[in-house]
Amino acid sequence: MKKIKYKNTLFLLIAMVMTLFSSCDQNVTEKNVEIKQTDMSTLEKEIELRLREYENHLRNGDSIALGNMYMEDAEIIPSTVGRENIIKVFGGMIRDSITGSRFKTTKLWGNDQLLVEDGTGIWAHTNGTVVGRGRYLLVWQKDNGNWKILRDTWFPDKKN
């Protein structure tokens, strides 16, 4: 009889401890969600500033500054790998007078170290003639306190 009573008491004690821990964990999780949502508005502002820097570097014809916005091992998907090659691509665009751009974030998700940005944008010649419109997807990674592009891809709008 004592053995059964001991097992029942032990079971009740374990159930109470489990309930206590699960309710504590739920509060911590809810607080973390609130913190992440609050931080996301700050991250959105940081990415917005980086996009404006990107546009300014292109407008100024500075392919090296543009390239330095990318991680050393970055890729412009599907075919450009590495910062040095990315700088060459931008140099070619600038020589072709494509120095105008405007990008707008439509969705951003991630955390304070890695973000994915979905957006729309245009590329234009120096005279303002638009040469491309479309959507883009960027993966941003924090590097020594600065957001840099890890992956970049562009989806041009379909021509009708």
N, C-alpha and C. Protein backbone atom coordinates (compact mmCIF):
# COMPACT_ATOMS: atom_id res chain seq x y z
N MET A 1 0.82 -1.19 0.00
CA MET A 1 0.00 0.00 0.00
C MET A 1 0.86 1.26 0.00
N LYS A 2 1.96 1.22 0.82
CA LYS A 2 2.85 2.38 0.87
C LYS A 2 3.51 2.62 -0.48
N LYS A 3 3.82 1.56 -1.20
CA LYS A 3 4.46 1.66 -2.50
C LYS A 3 3.54 2.37 -3.49
N ILE A 4 2.26 2.05 -3.50
CA ILE A 4 1.29 2.68 -4.40
C ILE A 4 1.12 4.15 -4.04
N LYS A 5 1.03 4.45 -2.75
CA LYS A 5 0.88 5.83 -2.30
C LYS A 5 2.11 6.64 -2.71
N TYR A 6 3.30 6.07 -2.57
CA TYR A 6 4.54 6.74 -2.95
C TYR A 6 4.56 7.03 -4.44
N LYS A 7 4.15 6.07 -5.27
CA LYS A 7 4.12 6.25 -6.72
C LYS A 7 3.13 7.34 -7.10
N ASN A 8 1.95 7.34 -6.48
CA ASN A 8 0.94 8.37 -6.77
C ASN A 8 1.45 9.75 -6.38
N THR A 9 2.10 9.86 -5.23
CA THR A 9 2.65 11.14 -4.78
C THR A 9 3.74 11.61 -5.73
N LEU A 10 4.62 10.70 -6.13
CA LEU A 10 5.69 11.04 -7.06
C LEU A 10 5.11 11.49 -8.40
N PHE A 11 4.11 10.78 -8.89
CA PHE A 11 3.48 11.14 -10.15
C PHE A 11 2.86 12.53 -10.06
N LEU A 12 2.15 12.81 -8.99
CA LEU A 12 1.53 14.12 -8.78
C LEU A 12 2.58 15.22 -8.72
N LEU A 13 3.67 14.97 -8.04
CA LEU A 13 4.75 15.95 -7.92
C LEU A 13 5.36 16.24 -9.30
N ILE A 14 5.62 15.22 -10.07
CA ILE A 14 6.19 15.39 -11.42
C ILE A 14 5.22 16.17 -12.30
N ALA A 15 3.93 15.85 -12.23
CA ALA A 15 2.92 16.55 -13.03
C ALA A 15 2.87 18.03 -12.66
N MET A 16 2.95 18.34 -11.37
CA MET A 16 2.91 19.74 -10.94
C MET A 16 4.15 20.49 -11.44
N VAL A 17 5.32 19.87 -11.32
CA VAL A 17 6.56 20.51 -11.77
C VAL A 17 6.50 20.74 -13.29
N MET A 18 6.03 19.76 -14.03
CA MET A 18 5.92 19.89 -15.49
C MET A 18 4.97 21.03 -15.86
N THR A 19 3.85 21.12 -15.17
CA THR A 19 2.89 22.20 -15.42
C THR A 19 3.52 23.55 -15.13
N LEU A 20 4.24 23.63 -14.03
CA LEU A 20 4.89 24.88 -13.65
C LEU A 20 5.91 25.29 -14.72
N PHE A 21 6.76 24.36 -15.15
CA PHE A 21 7.78 24.68 -16.16
C PHE A 21 7.15 25.04 -17.50
N SER A 22 6.13 24.34 -17.91
CA SER A 22 5.52 24.65 -19.22
C SER A 22 4.85 26.01 -19.21
N SER A 23 4.26 26.41 -18.10
CA SER A 23 3.63 27.74 -18.04
C SER A 23 4.70 28.83 -18.00
N CYS A 24 5.82 28.59 -17.35
CA CYS A 24 6.93 29.56 -17.33
C CYS A 24 7.51 29.70 -18.72
N ASP A 25 7.70 28.60 -19.41
CA ASP A 25 8.26 28.63 -20.75
C ASP A 25 7.36 29.38 -21.70
N GLN A 26 6.05 29.24 -21.55
CA GLN A 26 5.10 29.93 -22.42
C GLN A 26 5.25 31.44 -22.25
N ASN A 27 5.39 31.92 -21.02
CA ASN A 27 5.57 33.36 -20.79
C ASN A 27 6.85 33.86 -21.43
N VAL A 28 7.93 33.10 -21.32
CA VAL A 28 9.20 33.50 -21.93
C VAL A 28 9.05 33.57 -23.44
N THR A 29 8.39 32.57 -24.04
CA THR A 29 8.19 32.55 -25.48
C THR A 29 7.37 33.75 -25.92
N GLU A 30 6.30 34.08 -25.20
CA GLU A 30 5.48 35.24 -25.56
C GLU A 30 6.29 36.52 -25.48
N LYS A 31 7.14 36.66 -24.48
CA LYS A 31 7.99 37.85 -24.36
C LYS A 31 8.98 37.91 -25.51
N ASN A 32 9.56 36.77 -25.91
CA ASN A 32 10.50 36.76 -27.02
C ASN A 32 9.83 37.19 -28.31
N VAL A 33 8.59 36.77 -28.54
CA VAL A 33 7.85 37.18 -29.74
C VAL A 33 7.67 38.69 -29.73
N GLU A 34 7.32 39.27 -28.59
CA GLU A 34 7.15 40.72 -28.50
C GLU A 34 8.46 41.43 -28.79
N ILE A 35 9.55 40.94 -28.25
CA ILE A 35 10.86 41.56 -28.48
C ILE A 35 11.21 41.50 -29.96
N LYS A 36 11.00 40.34 -30.59
CA LYS A 36 11.33 40.20 -32.01
C LYS A 36 10.50 41.16 -32.85
N GLN A 37 9.20 41.32 -32.54
CA GLN A 37 8.37 42.23 -33.31
C GLN A 37 8.84 43.67 -33.14
N THR A 38 9.22 44.05 -31.94
CA THR A 38 9.72 45.39 -31.68
C THR A 38 11.02 45.61 -32.43
N ASP A 39 11.92 44.66 -32.40
CA ASP A 39 13.20 44.79 -33.07
C ASP A 39 13.05 44.82 -34.58
N MET A 40 12.02 44.19 -35.14
CA MET A 40 11.85 44.13 -36.58
C MET A 40 11.69 45.52 -37.18
N SER A 41 11.02 46.43 -36.48
CA SER A 41 10.88 47.79 -37.03
C SER A 41 12.25 48.47 -37.10
N THR A 42 13.11 48.22 -36.15
CA THR A 42 14.47 48.76 -36.18
C THR A 42 15.25 48.15 -37.34
N LEU A 43 15.11 46.85 -37.53
CA LEU A 43 15.81 46.17 -38.62
C LEU A 43 15.32 46.68 -39.98
N GLU A 44 14.02 46.93 -40.10
CA GLU A 44 13.48 47.48 -41.35
C GLU A 44 14.11 48.82 -41.67
N LYS A 45 14.29 49.67 -40.67
CA LYS A 45 14.92 50.98 -40.88
C LYS A 45 16.38 50.83 -41.29
N GLU A 46 17.07 49.87 -40.68
CA GLU A 46 18.47 49.64 -41.04
C GLU A 46 18.60 49.19 -42.49
N ILE A 47 17.73 48.29 -42.92
CA ILE A 47 17.78 47.81 -44.30
C ILE A 47 17.38 48.93 -45.27
N GLU A 48 16.40 49.73 -44.89
CA GLU A 48 16.01 50.88 -45.72
C GLU A 48 17.21 51.80 -45.96
N LEU A 49 17.98 52.08 -44.92
CA LEU A 49 19.18 52.92 -45.07
C LEU A 49 20.20 52.27 -46.00
N ARG A 50 20.38 50.96 -45.87
CA ARG A 50 21.33 50.25 -46.74
C ARG A 50 20.88 50.30 -48.20
N LEU A 51 19.56 50.19 -48.44
CA LEU A 51 19.06 50.29 -49.81
C LEU A 51 19.35 51.66 -50.41
N ARG A 52 19.17 52.71 -49.62
CA ARG A 52 19.45 54.07 -50.11
C ARG A 52 20.95 54.23 -50.39
N GLU A 53 21.81 53.63 -49.55
CA GLU A 53 23.25 53.66 -49.80
C GLU A 53 23.56 52.98 -51.12
N TYR A 54 22.95 51.83 -51.36
CA TYR A 54 23.13 51.07 -52.59
C TYR A 54 22.78 51.94 -53.79
N GLU A 55 21.62 52.59 -53.75
CA GLU A 55 21.18 53.46 -54.85
C GLU A 55 22.16 54.61 -55.05
N ASN A 56 22.65 55.19 -53.97
CA ASN A 56 23.60 56.31 -54.06
C ASN A 56 24.93 55.86 -54.66
N HIS A 57 25.43 54.71 -54.26
CA HIS A 57 26.69 54.20 -54.82
C HIS A 57 26.54 53.98 -56.33
N LEU A 58 25.40 53.44 -56.75
CA LEU A 58 25.18 53.22 -58.18
C LEU A 58 25.09 54.57 -58.90
N ARG A 59 24.33 55.50 -58.36
CA ARG A 59 24.18 56.83 -58.97
C ARG A 59 25.54 57.53 -59.10
N ASN A 60 26.42 57.32 -58.11
CA ASN A 60 27.76 57.92 -58.13
C ASN A 60 28.75 57.13 -58.98
N GLY A 61 28.32 56.00 -59.53
CA GLY A 61 29.19 55.19 -60.38
C GLY A 61 30.31 54.50 -59.61
N ASP A 62 30.07 54.14 -58.37
CA ASP A 62 31.10 53.55 -57.52
C ASP A 62 30.89 52.04 -57.36
N SER A 63 31.47 51.29 -58.31
CA SER A 63 31.29 49.83 -58.30
C SER A 63 31.98 49.18 -57.10
N ILE A 64 33.07 49.78 -56.63
CA ILE A 64 33.78 49.20 -55.47
C ILE A 64 32.93 49.35 -54.21
N ALA A 65 32.34 50.52 -54.00
CA ALA A 65 31.46 50.70 -52.83
C ALA A 65 30.25 49.76 -52.92
N LEU A 66 29.71 49.58 -54.13
CA LEU A 66 28.61 48.63 -54.30
C LEU A 66 29.06 47.22 -53.94
N GLY A 67 30.20 46.83 -54.46
CA GLY A 67 30.73 45.50 -54.17
C GLY A 67 30.98 45.28 -52.70
N ASN A 68 31.40 46.33 -52.00
CA ASN A 68 31.66 46.21 -50.57
C ASN A 68 30.39 46.10 -49.75
N MET A 69 29.24 46.28 -50.36
CA MET A 69 27.97 46.05 -49.66
C MET A 69 27.64 44.56 -49.63
N TYR A 70 28.43 43.76 -50.35
CA TYR A 70 28.24 42.31 -50.43
C TYR A 70 29.28 41.61 -49.57
N MET A 71 28.91 40.45 -49.02
CA MET A 71 29.85 39.61 -48.30
C MET A 71 30.94 39.14 -49.27
N GLU A 72 32.08 38.79 -48.76
CA GLU A 72 33.20 38.32 -49.59
C GLU A 72 32.76 37.13 -50.45
N ASP A 73 31.97 36.21 -49.88
CA ASP A 73 31.54 35.01 -50.60
C ASP A 73 30.12 35.12 -51.14
N ALA A 74 29.66 36.34 -51.37
CA ALA A 74 28.29 36.58 -51.84
C ALA A 74 28.07 35.99 -53.23
N GLU A 75 26.80 35.83 -53.56
CA GLU A 75 26.42 35.37 -54.90
C GLU A 75 25.25 36.20 -55.40
N ILE A 76 25.36 36.60 -56.66
CA ILE A 76 24.18 37.11 -57.37
C ILE A 76 23.72 35.92 -58.21
N ILE A 77 22.63 35.36 -57.80
CA ILE A 77 22.15 34.12 -58.40
C ILE A 77 21.51 34.45 -59.75
N PRO A 78 21.83 33.75 -60.82
CA PRO A 78 22.39 32.42 -60.85
C PRO A 78 23.88 32.32 -61.15
N SER A 79 24.57 33.40 -61.49
CA SER A 79 25.89 33.16 -62.10
C SER A 79 27.07 33.97 -61.59
N THR A 80 26.91 34.89 -60.66
CA THR A 80 28.04 35.71 -60.23
C THR A 80 28.40 35.36 -58.79
N VAL A 81 29.61 34.87 -58.61
CA VAL A 81 30.05 34.40 -57.30
C VAL A 81 31.26 35.21 -56.84
N GLY A 82 31.19 35.73 -55.61
CA GLY A 82 32.31 36.43 -55.02
C GLY A 82 32.28 37.94 -55.25
N ARG A 83 32.74 38.65 -54.24
CA ARG A 83 32.72 40.12 -54.28
C ARG A 83 33.46 40.69 -55.48
N GLU A 84 34.64 40.15 -55.81
CA GLU A 84 35.42 40.68 -56.95
C GLU A 84 34.63 40.61 -58.25
N ASN A 85 33.95 39.50 -58.48
CA ASN A 85 33.15 39.36 -59.69
C ASN A 85 31.93 40.27 -59.66
N ILE A 86 31.37 40.46 -58.49
CA ILE A 86 30.22 41.37 -58.35
C ILE A 86 30.65 42.80 -58.69
N ILE A 87 31.83 43.20 -58.24
CA ILE A 87 32.35 44.53 -58.57
C ILE A 87 32.49 44.68 -60.09
N LYS A 88 32.97 43.64 -60.77
CA LYS A 88 33.11 43.68 -62.23
C LYS A 88 31.75 43.84 -62.91
N VAL A 89 30.74 43.14 -62.42
CA VAL A 89 29.39 43.25 -62.99
C VAL A 89 28.88 44.68 -62.85
N PHE A 90 29.04 45.26 -61.66
CA PHE A 90 28.59 46.64 -61.47
C PHE A 90 29.39 47.61 -62.33
N GLY A 91 30.68 47.36 -62.48
CA GLY A 91 31.50 48.20 -63.35
C GLY A 91 30.97 48.21 -64.77
N GLY A 92 30.57 47.04 -65.27
CA GLY A 92 29.99 46.94 -66.61
C GLY A 92 28.67 47.69 -66.72
N MET A 93 27.84 47.57 -65.70
CA MET A 93 26.56 48.30 -65.71
C MET A 93 26.80 49.81 -65.75
N ILE A 94 27.73 50.26 -64.94
CA ILE A 94 28.02 51.70 -64.86
C ILE A 94 28.58 52.19 -66.20
N ARG A 95 29.46 51.41 -66.83
CA ARG A 95 29.98 51.79 -68.15
C ARG A 95 28.87 51.85 -69.19
N ASP A 96 27.82 51.03 -69.00
CA ASP A 96 26.66 51.06 -69.91
C ASP A 96 25.65 52.13 -69.50
N SER A 97 26.03 53.00 -68.58
CA SER A 97 25.23 54.13 -68.07
C SER A 97 23.99 53.69 -67.30
N ILE A 98 24.01 52.49 -66.75
CA ILE A 98 22.91 52.08 -65.87
C ILE A 98 23.32 52.48 -64.46
N THR A 99 22.90 53.66 -64.06
CA THR A 99 23.27 54.18 -62.75
C THR A 99 22.06 54.61 -61.92
N GLY A 100 20.88 54.33 -62.44
CA GLY A 100 19.67 54.67 -61.70
C GLY A 100 19.01 53.42 -61.16
N SER A 101 18.46 53.54 -59.98
CA SER A 101 17.74 52.42 -59.40
C SER A 101 16.83 52.95 -58.30
N ARG A 102 15.81 52.18 -58.01
CA ARG A 102 14.91 52.48 -56.89
C ARG A 102 14.36 51.17 -56.40
N PHE A 103 14.58 50.89 -55.11
CA PHE A 103 14.15 49.63 -54.54
C PHE A 103 13.22 49.87 -53.36
N LYS A 104 12.24 48.99 -53.23
CA LYS A 104 11.26 49.11 -52.14
C LYS A 104 11.03 47.74 -51.53
N THR A 105 11.24 47.65 -50.24
CA THR A 105 11.01 46.41 -49.51
C THR A 105 9.51 46.16 -49.40
N THR A 106 9.08 44.95 -49.74
CA THR A 106 7.67 44.59 -49.56
C THR A 106 7.49 43.65 -48.37
N LYS A 107 8.54 42.90 -48.04
CA LYS A 107 8.47 42.01 -46.89
C LYS A 107 9.88 41.76 -46.38
N LEU A 108 10.00 41.68 -45.06
CA LEU A 108 11.29 41.44 -44.44
C LEU A 108 11.06 40.48 -43.28
N TRP A 109 11.87 39.43 -43.20
CA TRP A 109 11.76 38.53 -42.06
C TRP A 109 13.14 38.00 -41.72
N GLY A 110 13.28 37.56 -40.48
CA GLY A 110 14.54 37.03 -40.01
C GLY A 110 14.83 37.49 -38.60
N ASN A 111 16.11 37.73 -38.30
CA ASN A 111 16.51 38.15 -36.96
C ASN A 111 17.64 39.17 -37.06
N ASP A 112 18.27 39.47 -35.94
CA ASP A 112 19.28 40.52 -35.93
C ASP A 112 20.63 40.10 -36.52
N GLN A 113 20.70 38.90 -37.08
CA GLN A 113 21.93 38.44 -37.72
C GLN A 113 21.74 38.04 -39.18
N LEU A 114 20.52 37.65 -39.55
CA LEU A 114 20.25 37.19 -40.91
C LEU A 114 18.83 37.59 -41.28
N LEU A 115 18.68 38.32 -42.39
CA LEU A 115 17.37 38.78 -42.84
C LEU A 115 17.15 38.38 -44.29
N VAL A 116 15.91 38.15 -44.64
CA VAL A 116 15.52 37.93 -46.03
C VAL A 116 14.60 39.08 -46.40
N GLU A 117 14.92 39.72 -47.51
CA GLU A 117 14.13 40.85 -47.98
C GLU A 117 13.53 40.53 -49.33
N ASP A 118 12.24 40.71 -49.45
CA ASP A 118 11.50 40.58 -50.70
C ASP A 118 11.12 41.99 -51.11
N GLY A 119 11.35 42.36 -52.36
CA GLY A 119 11.04 43.72 -52.75
C GLY A 119 10.82 43.88 -54.24
N THR A 120 10.54 45.11 -54.62
CA THR A 120 10.36 45.47 -56.03
C THR A 120 11.36 46.56 -56.37
N GLY A 121 11.70 46.67 -57.65
CA GLY A 121 12.67 47.69 -58.00
C GLY A 121 12.71 47.98 -59.48
N ILE A 122 13.49 49.00 -59.80
CA ILE A 122 13.75 49.36 -61.19
C ILE A 122 15.24 49.62 -61.36
N TRP A 123 15.71 49.43 -62.58
CA TRP A 123 17.05 49.82 -63.02
C TRP A 123 16.85 50.81 -64.15
N ALA A 124 17.67 51.86 -64.19
CA ALA A 124 17.49 52.88 -65.21
C ALA A 124 18.83 53.41 -65.69
N HIS A 125 18.82 53.93 -66.93
CA HIS A 125 19.99 54.63 -67.46
C HIS A 125 20.13 55.96 -66.74
N THR A 126 21.29 56.58 -66.90
CA THR A 126 21.56 57.87 -66.29
C THR A 126 20.51 58.91 -66.68
N ASN A 127 20.00 58.83 -67.92
CA ASN A 127 18.99 59.80 -68.39
C ASN A 127 17.59 59.51 -67.87
N GLY A 128 17.42 58.46 -67.07
CA GLY A 128 16.13 58.16 -66.47
C GLY A 128 15.33 57.08 -67.19
N THR A 129 15.78 56.66 -68.37
CA THR A 129 15.08 55.61 -69.11
C THR A 129 15.17 54.29 -68.36
N VAL A 130 14.02 53.74 -68.01
CA VAL A 130 13.98 52.48 -67.26
C VAL A 130 14.37 51.33 -68.18
N VAL A 131 15.32 50.52 -67.73
CA VAL A 131 15.76 49.36 -68.51
C VAL A 131 15.27 48.04 -67.93
N GLY A 132 14.76 48.08 -66.70
CA GLY A 132 14.26 46.85 -66.10
C GLY A 132 13.43 47.13 -64.86
N ARG A 133 12.35 46.38 -64.74
CA ARG A 133 11.50 46.39 -63.55
C ARG A 133 11.34 44.96 -63.09
N GLY A 134 11.15 44.79 -61.80
CA GLY A 134 10.94 43.44 -61.33
C GLY A 134 10.92 43.32 -59.82
N ARG A 135 11.06 42.09 -59.41
CA ARG A 135 11.13 41.76 -57.98
C ARG A 135 12.52 41.25 -57.67
N TYR A 136 12.89 41.39 -56.41
CA TYR A 136 14.18 40.87 -55.99
C TYR A 136 14.03 40.16 -54.65
N LEU A 137 15.01 39.36 -54.36
CA LEU A 137 15.10 38.68 -53.09
C LEU A 137 16.55 38.80 -52.63
N LEU A 138 16.75 39.38 -51.47
CA LEU A 138 18.08 39.55 -50.90
C LEU A 138 18.16 38.82 -49.56
N VAL A 139 19.30 38.22 -49.31
CA VAL A 139 19.60 37.67 -47.99
C VAL A 139 20.70 38.56 -47.42
N TRP A 140 20.39 39.23 -46.31
CA TRP A 140 21.32 40.12 -45.64
C TRP A 140 21.92 39.39 -44.44
N GLN A 141 23.22 39.59 -44.23
CA GLN A 141 23.89 38.99 -43.08
C GLN A 141 24.68 40.08 -42.36
N LYS A 142 24.66 40.03 -41.05
CA LYS A 142 25.42 40.99 -40.24
C LYS A 142 26.89 40.62 -40.30
N ASP A 143 27.74 41.60 -40.62
CA ASP A 143 29.18 41.38 -40.72
C ASP A 143 29.88 42.53 -40.01
N ASN A 144 30.48 42.25 -38.85
CA ASN A 144 31.13 43.28 -38.05
C ASN A 144 30.23 44.49 -37.81
N GLY A 145 28.97 44.22 -37.50
CA GLY A 145 28.03 45.28 -37.16
C GLY A 145 27.33 45.92 -38.35
N ASN A 146 27.68 45.52 -39.58
CA ASN A 146 27.05 46.10 -40.78
C ASN A 146 26.27 45.04 -41.55
N TRP A 147 25.13 45.43 -42.09
CA TRP A 147 24.37 44.53 -42.94
C TRP A 147 25.03 44.46 -44.30
N LYS A 148 25.31 43.23 -44.75
CA LYS A 148 25.86 43.02 -46.08
C LYS A 148 25.02 41.96 -46.79
N ILE A 149 25.05 42.02 -48.10
CA ILE A 149 24.25 41.09 -48.91
C ILE A 149 25.02 39.79 -49.08
N LEU A 150 24.36 38.70 -48.73
CA LEU A 150 24.94 37.37 -48.88
C LEU A 150 24.47 36.72 -50.18
N ARG A 151 23.19 36.88 -50.48
CA ARG A 151 22.61 36.35 -51.72
C ARG A 151 21.70 37.40 -52.32
N ASP A 152 21.69 37.46 -53.66
CA ASP A 152 20.94 38.47 -54.40
C ASP A 152 20.37 37.80 -55.64
N THR A 153 19.12 38.01 -55.89
CA THR A 153 18.54 37.50 -57.13
C THR A 153 17.46 38.45 -57.62
N TRP A 154 17.28 38.50 -58.91
CA TRP A 154 16.38 39.45 -59.57
C TRP A 154 15.42 38.68 -60.47
N PHE A 155 14.14 39.04 -60.43
CA PHE A 155 13.12 38.42 -61.26
C PHE A 155 12.45 39.50 -62.09
N PRO A 156 12.87 39.67 -63.36
CA PRO A 156 12.29 40.74 -64.18
C PRO A 156 10.80 40.51 -64.42
N ASP A 157 10.07 41.64 -64.52
CA ASP A 157 8.65 41.55 -64.88
C ASP A 157 8.54 40.98 -66.28
N LYS A 158 7.47 40.25 -66.52
CA LYS A 158 7.23 39.70 -67.85
C LYS A 158 6.86 40.83 -68.80
N LYS A 159 7.42 40.77 -69.99
CA LYS A 159 7.09 41.77 -71.00
C LYS A 159 5.84 41.31 -71.73
N ASN A 160 4.90 42.22 -71.87
CA ASN A 160 3.64 41.87 -72.55
C ASN A 160 3.68 42.21 -74.01
